[in-house]
Amino acid sequence: MALASARHILVNSEQACQDLKQQIADGADFAELAKQHSQCPSGRNGGELGQFGPGMMVPEFDKVVFSAEVGSVEGPVKTQFGYHLLQVTSRS
């Protein structure tokens, strides 16, 4: 089974997601932004979600995590929780 590790930032609007993505593109630290802005409890850990397999996250999340290039920042990804910026940190 494939396993992935990822981190994310959860916000309530697509615009907020775009703004954060631009800040990261401009050199801001993903983990610091997660601590400041993420509405998910994982924000305290820099957005780290740990390791998981297919089907353990919502489908929209899974699709990106198991297809995106490792290290790239993807999003906004809309789920029932809000808008996510995702970064796959490893995948096997």
Protein backbone atom coordinates (compact mmCIF):
# COMPACT_ATOMS: atom_id res chain seq x y z
CA MET A 1 0.00 0.00 0.00
CA ALA A 2 1.19 3.50 -0.80
CA LEU A 3 1.85 5.77 2.15
CA ALA A 4 2.20 9.52 2.15
CA SER A 5 3.10 12.22 4.64
CA ALA A 6 1.73 15.70 4.17
CA ARG A 7 1.13 18.97 5.88
CA HIS A 8 -1.64 21.45 5.29
CA ILE A 9 -3.10 24.81 6.16
CA LEU A 10 -6.88 24.99 6.55
CA VAL A 11 -8.66 28.31 6.06
CA ASN A 12 -12.25 29.32 5.39
CA SER A 13 -11.91 31.06 2.03
CA GLU A 14 -10.35 30.45 -1.35
CA GLN A 15 -8.88 33.96 -1.26
CA ALA A 16 -7.13 33.35 2.06
CA CYS A 17 -5.71 30.15 0.57
CA GLN A 18 -4.42 32.00 -2.51
CA ASP A 19 -2.86 34.70 -0.33
CA LEU A 20 -1.00 32.14 1.80
CA LYS A 21 0.13 30.23 -1.29
CA GLN A 22 1.61 33.46 -2.65
CA GLN A 23 3.38 34.15 0.65
CA ILE A 24 4.94 30.66 0.51
CA ALA A 25 5.96 31.22 -3.14
CA ASP A 26 7.60 34.46 -1.97
CA GLY A 27 9.63 32.57 0.63
CA ALA A 28 7.43 32.43 3.75
CA ASP A 29 7.77 29.31 5.89
CA PHE A 30 4.89 26.83 5.43
CA ALA A 31 5.01 25.65 9.06
CA GLU A 32 5.00 29.21 10.45
CA LEU A 33 1.99 30.14 8.30
CA ALA A 34 0.21 26.97 9.44
CA LYS A 35 0.79 27.93 13.08
CA GLN A 36 -0.55 31.43 12.47
CA HIS A 37 -3.48 30.74 10.14
CA SER A 38 -4.61 27.11 10.08
CA GLN A 39 -7.99 26.33 11.60
CA CYS A 40 -7.02 22.67 11.98
CA PRO A 41 -5.49 21.46 15.28
CA SER A 42 -2.52 20.26 13.19
CA GLY A 43 -1.59 23.92 12.74
CA ARG A 44 0.13 23.82 16.13
CA ASN A 45 2.55 21.28 14.61
CA GLY A 46 3.16 23.31 11.48
CA GLY A 47 0.29 21.58 9.70
CA GLU A 48 1.87 18.11 9.91
CA LEU A 49 -0.65 15.31 9.35
CA GLY A 50 1.80 12.44 9.73
CA GLN A 51 1.73 9.35 7.56
CA PHE A 52 -1.44 7.91 6.04
CA GLY A 53 -2.65 5.63 3.28
CA PRO A 54 -5.27 6.04 0.53
CA GLY A 55 -8.80 6.38 1.88
CA MET A 56 -7.77 7.68 5.30
CA MET A 57 -8.43 11.30 4.31
CA VAL A 58 -11.36 12.87 2.44
CA PRO A 59 -11.36 12.02 -1.33
CA GLU A 60 -10.41 15.55 -2.49
CA PHE A 61 -7.39 15.40 -0.22
CA ASP A 62 -6.40 11.88 -1.25
CA LYS A 63 -6.51 12.76 -4.93
CA VAL A 64 -3.95 15.54 -4.50
CA VAL A 65 -1.74 13.80 -1.95
CA PHE A 66 -1.30 10.69 -4.08
CA SER A 67 -0.76 12.54 -7.37
CA ALA A 68 1.06 15.81 -6.65
CA GLU A 69 4.80 16.16 -6.87
CA VAL A 70 6.49 15.70 -3.49
CA GLY A 71 7.40 19.11 -2.08
CA SER A 72 5.06 21.15 -4.27
CA VAL A 73 2.43 23.34 -2.60
CA GLU A 74 -1.01 22.49 -3.97
CA GLY A 75 -4.30 24.26 -3.51
CA PRO A 76 -6.73 25.66 -2.87
CA VAL A 77 -8.27 22.21 -2.35
CA LYS A 78 -11.90 22.53 -1.25
CA THR A 79 -13.34 19.95 1.16
CA GLN A 80 -16.27 19.98 3.57
CA PHE A 81 -13.87 21.46 6.15
CA GLY A 82 -12.86 24.51 4.10
CA TYR A 83 -9.96 25.34 1.80
CA HIS A 84 -6.59 23.65 2.16
CA LEU A 85 -3.08 24.30 1.00
CA LEU A 86 -1.35 20.95 0.84
CA GLN A 87 2.26 19.96 0.67
CA VAL A 88 3.24 16.31 0.26
CA THR A 89 6.38 15.80 2.33
CA SER A 90 6.99 12.16 1.37
CA ARG A 91 5.36 9.29 -0.48
CA SER A 92 6.27 5.63 -0.86
